[in-house]
Amino acid sequence: MLTILRTVQVKIILTEAARSAMMEKYERELRQQEDEREQWEFQAKKLLADARKRSADLFQQMQERLSVEERKRLEKQGNLQFQKRQLENLPLGAEIDYMTVQSPVQIQVGDVWEEKMAGTVIVIKDGVIHEIRGGS
């Protein structure tokens, strides 16, 4: 017999409390992203000014790098806003993927692999385990 780890999906049932907590989390992350972006813009201006003093090539390279970084930051903010809108539109009672965890499972010769590794799902409602599906 051998003990191995398998991945277990954890889901939450959307309630008003869960929606409120997740909305607060998205708002907090959006504010943090905005604060970081403002700080980054300030530093980017300094980097560009320094690069301009050194050479036109360095200035061009710095502009390109900063442009890529700005796109990444804007995309991240856009994704958070999209997730927030999706959350607003989900009906109460919907199940939302929350995280994955690892769980030990004992296996031995003769076990059916798919059955042992089959998708165990833990469902949480308002912070309490509501249901455990599957798994052997």
Protein backbone atom coordinates (compact mmCIF):
# COMPACT_ATOMS: atom_id res chain seq x y z
CA MET A 1 0.00 0.00 0.00
CA LEU A 2 1.18 3.53 -0.81
CA THR A 3 -0.13 6.97 0.12
CA ILE A 4 -0.04 9.62 -2.60
CA LEU A 5 -1.52 13.11 -2.97
CA ARG A 6 -4.42 13.95 -5.24
CA THR A 7 -5.89 17.30 -6.15
CA VAL A 8 -9.25 18.17 -4.63
CA GLN A 9 -11.37 21.02 -6.00
CA VAL A 10 -12.93 23.38 -3.44
CA LYS A 11 -16.03 25.34 -4.45
CA ILE A 12 -18.17 27.85 -2.64
CA ILE A 13 -21.90 28.31 -2.87
CA LEU A 14 -22.69 31.93 -3.67
CA THR A 15 -24.67 33.57 -0.89
CA GLU A 16 -25.14 37.26 -0.19
CA ALA A 17 -22.39 37.07 2.43
CA ALA A 18 -20.01 35.30 0.03
CA ARG A 19 -20.82 37.77 -2.76
CA SER A 20 -20.21 40.71 -0.44
CA ALA A 21 -16.88 39.30 0.77
CA MET A 22 -15.72 38.59 -2.78
CA MET A 23 -16.79 42.05 -3.99
CA GLU A 24 -14.80 43.63 -1.16
CA LYS A 25 -11.80 41.51 -2.15
CA TYR A 26 -12.06 42.62 -5.80
CA GLU A 27 -12.45 46.27 -4.76
CA ARG A 28 -9.41 46.02 -2.50
CA GLU A 29 -7.36 44.41 -5.28
CA LEU A 30 -8.48 47.08 -7.77
CA ARG A 31 -7.49 49.87 -5.36
CA GLN A 32 -4.13 48.20 -4.79
CA GLN A 33 -3.61 47.86 -8.55
CA GLU A 34 -4.45 51.54 -9.04
CA ASP A 35 -2.05 52.59 -6.25
CA GLU A 36 0.71 50.44 -7.72
CA ARG A 37 0.03 51.81 -11.20
CA GLU A 38 0.31 55.41 -9.99
CA GLN A 39 3.59 54.65 -8.24
CA TRP A 40 4.83 52.81 -11.32
CA GLU A 41 3.93 55.76 -13.59
CA PHE A 42 5.97 58.10 -11.39
CA GLN A 43 8.98 55.78 -11.56
CA ALA A 44 8.49 55.24 -15.30
CA LYS A 45 8.72 58.99 -15.93
CA LYS A 46 11.99 59.11 -14.02
CA LEU A 47 13.36 56.14 -15.98
CA LEU A 48 12.37 57.71 -19.30
CA ALA A 49 13.96 61.04 -18.36
CA ASP A 50 17.19 59.28 -17.38
CA ALA A 51 17.17 57.17 -20.57
CA ARG A 52 16.57 60.27 -22.71
CA LYS A 53 19.69 61.87 -21.22
CA ARG A 54 21.80 58.82 -22.04
CA SER A 55 20.83 58.00 -25.64
CA ALA A 56 18.00 57.89 -28.15
CA ASP A 57 18.33 54.10 -28.46
CA LEU A 58 18.08 53.58 -24.72
CA PHE A 59 15.09 55.94 -24.61
CA GLN A 60 13.34 53.92 -27.35
CA GLN A 61 14.06 50.61 -25.60
CA MET A 62 12.79 51.99 -22.31
CA GLN A 63 9.59 53.26 -23.96
CA GLU A 64 8.94 49.80 -25.40
CA ARG A 65 9.55 48.04 -22.09
CA LEU A 66 7.35 50.49 -20.22
CA SER A 67 4.62 50.12 -22.83
CA VAL A 68 4.61 46.34 -22.38
CA GLU A 69 4.49 46.75 -18.60
CA GLU A 70 1.61 49.22 -18.86
CA ARG A 71 -0.37 46.81 -21.04
CA LYS A 72 0.17 44.02 -18.49
CA ARG A 73 -1.05 46.24 -15.66
CA LEU A 74 -4.10 47.42 -17.58
CA GLU A 75 -4.92 43.83 -18.55
CA LYS A 76 -4.73 42.75 -14.92
CA GLN A 77 -7.08 45.57 -13.90
CA GLY A 78 -9.43 44.67 -16.74
CA ASN A 79 -9.50 41.03 -15.62
CA LEU A 80 -10.39 42.07 -12.07
CA GLN A 81 -13.18 44.31 -13.34
CA PHE A 82 -14.48 41.49 -15.54
CA GLN A 83 -14.49 39.06 -12.60
CA LYS A 84 -16.34 41.62 -10.51
CA ARG A 85 -19.01 42.04 -13.21
CA GLN A 86 -19.34 38.28 -13.55
CA LEU A 87 -19.82 37.96 -9.80
CA GLU A 88 -22.53 40.62 -9.87
CA ASN A 89 -24.45 38.62 -12.50
CA LEU A 90 -24.20 35.17 -10.89
CA PRO A 91 -27.38 33.93 -9.23
CA LEU A 92 -27.40 33.09 -5.54
CA GLY A 93 -26.76 29.38 -5.05
CA ALA A 94 -24.29 29.17 -7.92
CA GLU A 95 -21.13 27.16 -7.26
CA ILE A 96 -17.88 29.01 -7.83
CA ASP A 97 -14.42 27.44 -8.12
CA TYR A 98 -12.50 28.68 -5.10
CA MET A 99 -9.22 26.78 -4.85
CA THR A 100 -7.57 23.40 -5.04
CA VAL A 101 -5.99 21.52 -2.18
CA GLN A 102 -4.02 18.31 -1.89
CA SER A 103 -5.43 15.26 -0.13
CA PRO A 104 -3.69 11.99 0.67
CA VAL A 105 -5.17 8.80 -0.79
CA GLN A 106 -4.02 5.24 -0.21
CA ILE A 107 -3.50 3.10 -3.28
CA GLN A 108 -2.58 -0.51 -3.70
CA VAL A 109 -2.13 -3.07 -6.43
CA GLY A 110 -5.47 -3.83 -8.04
CA ASP A 111 -7.06 -0.41 -7.40
CA VAL A 112 -8.69 1.31 -10.35
CA TRP A 113 -6.59 4.45 -10.89
CA GLU A 114 -9.42 6.63 -12.21
CA GLU A 115 -11.59 5.81 -9.20
CA LYS A 116 -8.86 6.65 -6.73
CA MET A 117 -7.95 9.89 -8.48
CA ALA A 118 -11.53 10.83 -9.44
CA GLY A 119 -12.63 14.34 -8.72
CA THR A 120 -13.37 14.83 -5.08
CA VAL A 121 -15.07 18.17 -4.58
CA ILE A 122 -15.52 20.03 -1.30
CA VAL A 123 -18.40 22.49 -1.30
CA ILE A 124 -18.39 25.35 1.22
CA LYS A 125 -21.34 27.55 2.15
CA ASP A 126 -20.71 30.63 4.29
CA GLY A 127 -17.41 29.25 5.55
CA VAL A 128 -18.81 25.84 6.56
CA ILE A 129 -18.24 22.58 4.69
CA HIS A 130 -21.61 21.92 3.11
CA GLU A 131 -20.86 18.80 1.09
CA ILE A 132 -18.06 16.43 0.07
CA ARG A 133 -18.60 14.80 -3.32
CA GLY A 134 -16.86 11.77 -4.73
CA GLY A 135 -13.57 10.36 -3.64
CA SER A 136 -12.83 6.94 -2.26
